[in-house]
Amino acid sequence: MDNLHELFGDSKAPKKSREGKKKWRRRVSKDFSAQQKTRGSSIVVSHEEVVIDFRMDANLIESLPPEPALGNIEYKLKLVNPTRQRFEHLVTQMKWRLREGEGEAIYEIGIEDNGHFLGLSPHELSASLETLRMMAAQLGATVKILRKQVVQEGEDQRHSAEVLVRKIPDDRTSIELRIAVLGNADVGKSTLLGVLTQGELDNGRGRARLIMFRHLHEVQTGRTSSISHEIMGFDAEGNVMTYQQCGTAEDIVQSSAKLITFIDLAGHYKYLHTTINGLTGYCPHYIMLVISANTGIAGTTLDHLNLALALDVPFFIVVTKIDVTPSHVVEKTVAELQTFLRSETKRDPLMVCESADLSKARGVQSILCARIVPIFLLSSVTGKGLELLREFLHALPPYLSAVEREELEQLPVQFQIDETWNIPEVGAVVGGLLTRGVITENIRLQLGPVEGRKFIPVLVKTIHRNKTHCSIVRASQSASLSLFPVDNSSANSIPPLRKGMVLLDPGQEARVTKHFLAKLTLTAQDDDSPIVLKKGGHAVLNIGNVRQGAVVCGIFGAYDGIRKMRIPQYPGGALEPVSVMFEFLRGPEYLECGARVLFRHGNTKGQGYVSHVYYLESSAGSWEGRDDE
C-alpha cells in the first residue's frame, strides 16, 4: 500500500465516509472482500505503475469470445501463401467485414474461430500480415497493426496480432461516431473533453475546460448547463487529429479518416432535463460515463447510468482524477464500481490497464452483446491512461452496419429538430438529427407541426456538419440546416421554430397527435419510495426530440383494469409492464409507433415505447399501433 501512496503522490489519511450515503454503498463495502475471493481479482503493484485487474474469468484472459458471425471482427489463424482462389475468397470476405463495420474491420491473426490464442511463428506472422496488406490493397483500404502479443515464450516463441483495416465508404469523407459524455457535476467531464479535443493537458486548475463552455455562468461556476459538441479525429495512419495539429474544425474534418463527435452534457441534477434531451434527441452511438476517483458513484451518476441502460446504448466508464486521489481511495472506488456493475446491472466490468485488454473491450459485440463494460483510469493533468483511451476510440466501430444505414437512407426523410436559431442575414437555422433518408441542398421538405397541427413547405438552402459546409447529410448524421420559404420571399414567413418539430419528405402524410398509448415499465426513485401513478396526474415525457408535459388519462395493466393509485411491485423486484394513455398538455406532436419513451412523475420513473397513436384531423378517429402479444 505504501507503493500505491507514493505512485499517486498523496500520503493523506483516508477520509471518513459522509453521512447519508446510499445503502448499496454500505453493502458493497461489506461484501467486497468476499467477492474479491470468488471472482479472482488481483492487484499488481510496482514502482512504475499500478494495475487494478479485476478478472471476470480465466477464459476472458486466455481467449477472446468466439468469432461473431455478423459484425466487423474476423479471426484468422494464419494467411500464408493462399492459392489464387483462396485469396479472392479472402478479399470478398474482407469486403463484407468492411461493409459490416461501415468502413472498418478488425482482424485477429493467430487466433482460432473459437477465440483461443494459438499464435504463429515470427515467419508465419510476417507472411500473414503481408497477405493481409495485399488483400487490403485490392480494395483500396489501409492497414494498421494495433498490437502484437506473445502467446508462447521460449525457443518456439509464438505471436498473435490485432490489425485494423479501414476503407472510407465512397459516399463519405470519413467514418463517424457520436459519443455522449455523462457523469456527475465536478467529475472532470469538460476537462477531459478539452484535453482530448485540444491536444493539451490540463494545468490542474481547469484551464482545459474553459473552451468547452458556452455561457458566462458556466465559466463562473465551472458547471456545464447546456449541450455542446466537440470533435477529434484520426487520420489513415491512426494519428490523432485535434486543434493542436489542425488549428480549425474544417482542417480536422478534412484530415480525418475517422471523426468522433463528443456531446458534452450537464452533470448537475438541476439540468437533468437538458441531459435527457441530449440523449433522446441526438441518439449517441456510445456513452462515456465519467466518474471521479475521489467521490465514486455519487450525485447524478446513478441517474445517468439508468438512462444509458434505459436507452440501451453501449457505454464505457472513465475514472478521472487519479493524480490527486490517494491510492487506497482509487482502489475502493474501483471496487465499489465493479461490484455495483455486477450486482445491479448484471454486466461484467473489464479494467483496461494495457493494450492487450483493448481487444476484449472493443466493439459492439463485446460491449453490447457480451455485456462488458470497459473501465479506464486516467488523469487529465499527468496524461496517465489517456493513450489507452485514444487507442480504444481509434478502433471503436460504428454502431450501425452499412446494410442498416443503407436501409435507413432509402426511407422518406425525417429530421428531428433539437436546436433553433434566427441568424441575421441568414434567417431560420435548425440543428438536429436525420433519423432516415437523405437531405441535399435546395431540397423541398415540410416543416411542422406549426399553429397546432399544420405542416408548411420549406427549402433547405445550406447544410453544415461538424462546423463546416457540406452538400449532403445522410441517415444517422446530425447537421444544421438553413431554411427558406419555398416562394423565396422573406424569411419572416417561416413561423417561430421550437424544439420537437420535424422536417418530413413532401410526399409523406404528416399527421400529429395529442393522445397516445405507451407501454411502460415503472420504477421508483429509490427502494423506499412507493411507485405511484394515478389518473389525472401530470408527467414529463421525453420521446425522441419531443419533451412535453402530459396528463395521464388512464392506466391499463395485465388485466385491462384501471389502476388509480399504486402500481404493485412483483416478486423478484420486477415490475409488470402497464399501458398508460397520455394527452399532451401544450399541443399536438408528431409521433410514430415504436418511439422510445422516458417518463418522470415525482419519485416514479418509467421507460418503454409508444404502442398506439391516435391521429388528429384527416385521420381523426383512426389509430396505428403495434401488437406485442
Foldseek 3Di string as FASTA:
>chain_A
DVLLQVVLVHDDDDDDDDPPDDPLLVVLVVCLVVVCVVQVWDWDGDNPDTDGFRHRDDCVVQWAAAADPAEQEEEELFDAPDDPVVLVVVLVVNVRSCLQLQFKHKYKYQADRRGGHNFAAPVRVVRRVVSVCVSLVVVVKAKEWLDKDFNDDDPRTGIMTMMMIGDHDPVDQAAEFEEEEEEAWPLCRLQVVLCQAAVDFDQVPCPSNPVVEDDPVCVVVVWHQAKGKGKWAAASHRDIRHCVNQVDLVSRSNRHNYMYIYIYHTRAPVRVVRVLLCCLFLVGQEYEYEAELQPACDHCSVVVVVSCVQVLHFYAYEYEDSSPDRSVSSVSNVSSVQVCCCPPVVAHEGEDDDSVSLVQVAECCNRRVVRYHYYFYAYSHVGPRVVVVSSRVSNHTGNGRNVVQVVQQVDWWKWFFQDWDQDPPQGIKTKTATQGHKDFAQDKWWKDDDPFWDIAIKGFHWKDASNHTDGMDGHSGIIMTGIDHPVRDDSPVDDDDDGQMMITHPPDDFWWAFKFKWWKWKDFLDPVDFAWDAAQAKKWKDFHRDTFIKGWHFKQFPVGDTDGTGQDADPPRGGGIIMTMIGTDPHIHGDDWFTWMWMDGPRMTIIGTTAKGQTDDPRHPDMDGDDPD
